[in-house]
Every structure is written in structure tokens, then in C-alpha cells.
Amino acid sequence: GLFSFSTYRDPRIVETLKVFEKSAAFIRSDAFRDEDIKEAVLQICSDIDKPDPPGPAAKKAFMRRIVLLTDELRSRFKKRLLSVNRADVIRVAKRYFEDQNPDRSVVVISGEELLKSANQRLAEPLFLQRI
């Protein structure tokens, strides 16, 4: 039930937030094909299954051990992932990507001037907080 959209060092705050909104609307619209779901699943599986050089592999294994992510859990995740279909995506999208989801949050970490500039263009201004 936790989903996120993110960018890195993105100076186009307003435009990016609009793209994220359109992405969620697209997922809710069910205007995609079964083949699109299969391709997305295969892309995720390719990331899961790609071989790592020894250093990164050891780091991943260490991090998995810290968070108690066992090989069995990873295997179950992949099995469930391979069974995902279009109906599953539509069901989840309708549940979690509602327009007015009360649990939805937007966080932007940026320079103060960029945030102030973005707030002048946003229908719902962001609350500014220094960290």
C-alpha cells in the first residue's frame, strides 16, 4: 500500500508534480494493454535477476540481512509479481491512486526560492519547512 514517485535534482517542481498526477490518472484509466503489464513485470524481474559484481552483491546481501529479507521472501515476491495481471493493476490503482486520497502526501526537497516560485503556480501550495 505504499507507492512513491520521485525525481532527483529536478528544478521543474510544478511540471513534475503534474506528470506524477497524470501518471496516476493514466493508471486509474485502465487505458493500457495486457502486453504493457507483461512488459512492466519483465522489466522489474530483469532488475531483480540481474547479476551484480561481487562488491554490490555483498552490499545487497548485507542490507537484505539487516531488514530480514530472506531468499524465501524474495522468491515469494517474484512469484506474486509474475502473476500480476491487468485486473490487479486496475484494482490497486482504484484503491490507492484516488484523486482525493486522504493518506496521500507530497514532499519536495528543494531550495527555498524554487519552492516559493512553485507555490505561486500550484493550486494547493506546499507547506514550507526548513530542515
C-alpha atoms as a PDB file:
ATOM      1  CA  GLY A   1       0.000   0.000   0.000  1.00  0.00           C
ATOM      2  CA  LEU A   2       2.971   2.358  -0.245  1.00  0.00           C
ATOM      3  CA  PHE A   3       3.705   3.944  -3.595  1.00  0.00           C
ATOM      4  CA  SER A   4       6.031   6.767  -4.499  1.00  0.00           C
ATOM      5  CA  PHE A   5       7.020   8.872  -7.462  1.00  0.00           C
ATOM      6  CA  SER A   6      10.384  10.579  -7.286  1.00  0.00           C
ATOM      7  CA  THR A   7      12.939  12.577  -9.187  1.00  0.00           C
ATOM      8  CA  TYR A   8      16.429  13.718  -8.326  1.00  0.00           C
ATOM      9  CA  ARG A   9      17.689  17.291  -8.606  1.00  0.00           C
ATOM     10  CA  ASP A  10      14.640  18.268 -10.594  1.00  0.00           C
ATOM     11  CA  PRO A  11      14.234  22.051 -10.895  1.00  0.00           C
ATOM     12  CA  ARG A  12      10.779  21.750 -12.549  1.00  0.00           C
ATOM     13  CA  ILE A  13       8.673  21.189  -9.422  1.00  0.00           C
ATOM     14  CA  VAL A  14       5.253  22.155 -10.787  1.00  0.00           C
ATOM     15  CA  GLU A  15       5.697  20.386 -14.108  1.00  0.00           C
ATOM     16  CA  THR A  16       6.957  17.227 -12.410  1.00  0.00           C
ATOM     17  CA  LEU A  17       4.046  17.158  -9.944  1.00  0.00           C
ATOM     18  CA  LYS A  18       1.675  17.445 -12.930  1.00  0.00           C
ATOM     19  CA  VAL A  19       3.413  14.499 -14.623  1.00  0.00           C
ATOM     20  CA  PHE A  20       3.005  12.458 -11.435  1.00  0.00           C
ATOM     21  CA  GLU A  21      -0.718  13.331 -11.343  1.00  0.00           C
ATOM     22  CA  LYS A  22      -1.106  12.344 -14.999  1.00  0.00           C
ATOM     23  CA  SER A  23       0.701   9.067 -14.312  1.00  0.00           C
ATOM     24  CA  ALA A  24      -1.719   8.207 -11.530  1.00  0.00           C
ATOM     25  CA  ALA A  25      -4.665   9.212 -13.735  1.00  0.00           C
ATOM     26  CA  PHE A  26      -3.323   7.017 -16.532  1.00  0.00           C
ATOM     27  CA  ILE A  27      -3.049   4.035 -14.211  1.00  0.00           C
ATOM     28  CA  ARG A  28      -6.614   4.626 -12.971  1.00  0.00           C
ATOM     29  CA  SER A  29      -7.890   4.977 -16.540  1.00  0.00           C
ATOM     30  CA  ASP A  30      -7.080   1.355 -17.482  1.00  0.00           C
ATOM     31  CA  ALA A  31      -6.028   2.622 -20.926  1.00  0.00           C
ATOM     32  CA  PHE A  32      -3.239   0.082 -21.161  1.00  0.00           C
ATOM     33  CA  ARG A  33      -2.973  -3.418 -22.575  1.00  0.00           C
ATOM     34  CA  ASP A  34      -2.198  -6.784 -21.050  1.00  0.00           C
ATOM     35  CA  GLU A  35       1.048  -6.655 -23.015  1.00  0.00           C
ATOM     36  CA  ASP A  36       2.011  -3.426 -21.206  1.00  0.00           C
ATOM     37  CA  ILE A  37       1.629  -5.202 -17.863  1.00  0.00           C
ATOM     38  CA  LYS A  38       3.717  -8.146 -19.046  1.00  0.00           C
ATOM     39  CA  GLU A  39       6.482  -5.817 -20.224  1.00  0.00           C
ATOM     40  CA  ALA A  40       6.453  -3.913 -16.923  1.00  0.00           C
ATOM     41  CA  VAL A  41       6.658  -7.153 -14.937  1.00  0.00           C
ATOM     42  CA  LEU A  42       9.540  -8.375 -17.088  1.00  0.00           C
ATOM     43  CA  GLN A  43      11.377  -5.086 -16.569  1.00  0.00           C
ATOM     44  CA  ILE A  44      11.042  -5.411 -12.803  1.00  0.00           C
ATOM     45  CA  CYS A  45      12.148  -9.056 -12.956  1.00  0.00           C
ATOM     46  CA  SER A  46      15.187  -8.111 -15.005  1.00  0.00           C
ATOM     47  CA  ASP A  47      16.186  -5.668 -12.261  1.00  0.00           C
ATOM     48  CA  ILE A  48      15.667  -8.356  -9.624  1.00  0.00           C
ATOM     49  CA  ASP A  49      17.568 -11.048 -11.524  1.00  0.00           C
ATOM     50  CA  LYS A  50      20.481  -9.100 -12.950  1.00  0.00           C
ATOM     51  CA  PRO A  51      23.843 -10.348 -11.737  1.00  0.00           C
ATOM     52  CA  ASP A  52      25.893  -7.965  -9.631  1.00  0.00           C
ATOM     53  CA  PRO A  53      29.666  -7.726  -9.334  1.00  0.00           C
ATOM     54  CA  PRO A  54      30.961  -9.071  -6.000  1.00  0.00           C
ATOM     55  CA  GLY A  55      31.054  -5.710  -4.172  1.00  0.00           C
ATOM     56  CA  PRO A  56      27.474  -4.602  -4.887  1.00  0.00           C
ATOM     57  CA  ALA A  57      26.242  -8.195  -4.406  1.00  0.00           C
ATOM     58  CA  ALA A  58      27.796  -8.301  -0.926  1.00  0.00           C
ATOM     59  CA  LYS A  59      26.288  -4.912  -0.054  1.00  0.00           C
ATOM     60  CA  LYS A  60      22.823  -6.067  -1.184  1.00  0.00           C
ATOM     61  CA  ALA A  61      23.148  -9.311   0.778  1.00  0.00           C
ATOM     62  CA  PHE A  62      24.179  -7.362   3.878  1.00  0.00           C
ATOM     63  CA  MET A  63      21.255  -4.921   3.557  1.00  0.00           C
ATOM     64  CA  ARG A  64      18.803  -7.778   2.983  1.00  0.00           C
ATOM     65  CA  ARG A  65      20.042  -9.471   6.129  1.00  0.00           C
ATOM     66  CA  ILE A  66      19.618  -6.285   8.156  1.00  0.00           C
ATOM     67  CA  VAL A  67      15.995  -5.870   7.036  1.00  0.00           C
ATOM     68  CA  LEU A  68      15.293  -9.620   7.305  1.00  0.00           C
ATOM     69  CA  LEU A  69      14.583 -10.002   3.598  1.00  0.00           C
ATOM     70  CA  THR A  70      15.174 -13.710   3.160  1.00  0.00           C
ATOM     71  CA  ASP A  71      15.602 -15.550  -0.121  1.00  0.00           C
ATOM     72  CA  GLU A  72      12.238 -17.195   0.570  1.00  0.00           C
ATOM     73  CA  LEU A  73      10.517 -13.801   0.866  1.00  0.00           C
ATOM     74  CA  ARG A  74      12.222 -12.608  -2.308  1.00  0.00           C
ATOM     75  CA  SER A  75      11.127 -15.756  -4.117  1.00  0.00           C
ATOM     76  CA  ARG A  76       7.513 -15.317  -2.955  1.00  0.00           C
ATOM     77  CA  PHE A  77       7.594 -11.674  -4.065  1.00  0.00           C
ATOM     78  CA  LYS A  78       8.815 -12.640  -7.527  1.00  0.00           C
ATOM     79  CA  LYS A  79       6.225 -15.413  -7.826  1.00  0.00           C
ATOM     80  CA  ARG A  80       3.455 -12.956  -6.915  1.00  0.00           C
ATOM     81  CA  LEU A  81       4.911 -10.385  -9.289  1.00  0.00           C
ATOM     82  CA  LEU A  82       4.838 -12.857 -12.163  1.00  0.00           C
ATOM     83  CA  SER A  83       1.143 -13.465 -11.514  1.00  0.00           C
ATOM     84  CA  VAL A  84       0.178  -9.770 -11.711  1.00  0.00           C
ATOM     85  CA  ASN A  85      -2.337  -9.040 -14.442  1.00  0.00           C
ATOM     86  CA  ARG A  86      -4.229  -6.070 -15.820  1.00  0.00           C
ATOM     87  CA  ALA A  87      -7.193  -6.594 -13.466  1.00  0.00           C
ATOM     88  CA  ASP A  88      -4.831  -6.499 -10.459  1.00  0.00           C
ATOM     89  CA  VAL A  89      -3.299  -3.223 -11.611  1.00  0.00           C
ATOM     90  CA  ILE A  90      -6.719  -1.628 -12.157  1.00  0.00           C
ATOM     91  CA  ARG A  91      -7.976  -2.810  -8.742  1.00  0.00           C
ATOM     92  CA  VAL A  92      -4.918  -1.444  -6.933  1.00  0.00           C
ATOM     93  CA  ALA A  93      -4.972   1.809  -8.899  1.00  0.00           C
ATOM     94  CA  LYS A  94      -8.588   2.465  -7.984  1.00  0.00           C
ATOM     95  CA  ARG A  95      -7.811   1.839  -4.339  1.00  0.00           C
ATOM     96  CA  TYR A  96      -4.554   3.761  -3.950  1.00  0.00           C
ATOM     97  CA  PHE A  97      -4.481   6.358  -6.734  1.00  0.00           C
ATOM     98  CA  GLU A  98      -7.743   8.135  -5.974  1.00  0.00           C
ATOM     99  CA  ASP A  99      -7.814  11.833  -6.807  1.00  0.00           C
ATOM    100  CA  GLN A 100      -8.536  12.808  -3.212  1.00  0.00           C
ATOM    101  CA  ASN A 101      -6.841  10.047  -1.229  1.00  0.00           C
ATOM    102  CA  PRO A 102      -6.678  11.328   2.383  1.00  0.00           C
ATOM    103  CA  ASP A 103      -3.448   9.405   3.004  1.00  0.00           C
ATOM    104  CA  ARG A 104      -1.640  10.980   0.067  1.00  0.00           C
ATOM    105  CA  SER A 105       1.363  13.197   0.759  1.00  0.00           C
ATOM    106  CA  VAL A 106       3.591  15.351  -1.386  1.00  0.00           C
ATOM    107  CA  VAL A 107       7.135  16.077  -0.270  1.00  0.00           C
ATOM    108  CA  VAL A 108       9.545  18.257  -2.222  1.00  0.00           C
ATOM    109  CA  ILE A 109      13.081  18.845  -1.003  1.00  0.00           C
ATOM    110  CA  SER A 110      14.468  21.867  -2.745  1.00  0.00           C
ATOM    111  CA  GLY A 111      15.856  25.334  -2.362  1.00  0.00           C
ATOM    112  CA  GLU A 112      13.542  27.874  -0.743  1.00  0.00           C
ATOM    113  CA  GLU A 113      13.323  30.123  -3.807  1.00  0.00           C
ATOM    114  CA  LEU A 114      12.304  27.252  -6.110  1.00  0.00           C
ATOM    115  CA  LEU A 115       9.641  26.178  -3.622  1.00  0.00           C
ATOM    116  CA  LYS A 116       8.267  29.695  -3.254  1.00  0.00           C
ATOM    117  CA  SER A 117       8.165  30.047  -7.028  1.00  0.00           C
ATOM    118  CA  ALA A 118       6.361  26.696  -7.357  1.00  0.00           C
ATOM    119  CA  ASN A 119       3.830  27.678  -4.698  1.00  0.00           C
ATOM    120  CA  GLN A 120       2.810  30.710  -6.757  1.00  0.00           C
ATOM    121  CA  ARG A 121       1.761  28.315  -9.543  1.00  0.00           C
ATOM    122  CA  LEU A 122       0.264  25.452  -7.540  1.00  0.00           C
ATOM    123  CA  ALA A 123      -3.481  25.230  -6.853  1.00  0.00           C
ATOM    124  CA  GLU A 124      -2.658  23.705  -3.449  1.00  0.00           C
ATOM    125  CA  PRO A 125       0.543  25.366  -2.207  1.00  0.00           C
ATOM    126  CA  LEU A 126       3.137  23.274  -0.456  1.00  0.00           C
ATOM    127  CA  PHE A 127       3.779  23.847   3.236  1.00  0.00           C
ATOM    128  CA  LEU A 128       7.353  25.115   3.543  1.00  0.00           C
ATOM    129  CA  GLN A 129       9.523  23.825   6.331  1.00  0.00           C
ATOM    130  CA  ARG A 130      13.256  24.192   6.819  1.00  0.00           C
ATOM    131  CA  ILE A 131      15.127  21.009   7.612  1.00  0.00           C
END
